[in-house]
Amino acid sequence: QVQLVESGGGLVQAGGSLRLSCAASGRTFSNYAMGWFRQAPGKEREFVAAISWSGVSTYYADSVKDRFTISRGNAKNTVYLQMNSLKPEDTAVYYCAARLGTIATMKNAQISNEYAYWGRGTQVTVSS
């Protein structure tokens, strides 16, 4: 089992920044690739970003590319999502997720069913 706890969400004005953190406990964190997903009210959950177990490979949804950065600190069992230039359409509950093994492709990174463990989410609200 892997337990994931997100933090860092909040209310920010458009153009502002937030840094989300996801603290992992349980199994060996460095064995897991990690992802961030989000779900806005009335919408389906969507992929945001993912990072390989080594941290070498990263994947981003087109809607956040060049604005968001995913990173991980295996020594701290934590994955981060730095969000810059936030827009009202970024408003959502953000979820951290973990998966064993490698991420083969960008398409594969986006498949939520590939992630076995999920946090409870943290709310991000961007005002216009």
Foldseek 3Di string as FASTA:
>chain_A
DKAKAKDWADEEAAQAKIKMKIAIDDDQLLQKKKFKWWDDPPGDIWGAKIAWSVRPDIEGDPVQPPFWDWGDDSVRRMIMIIGGRDDQVVWTWMKMFIAGDGQDDNVSNTDPVRTDDIYPTDTHGYHD
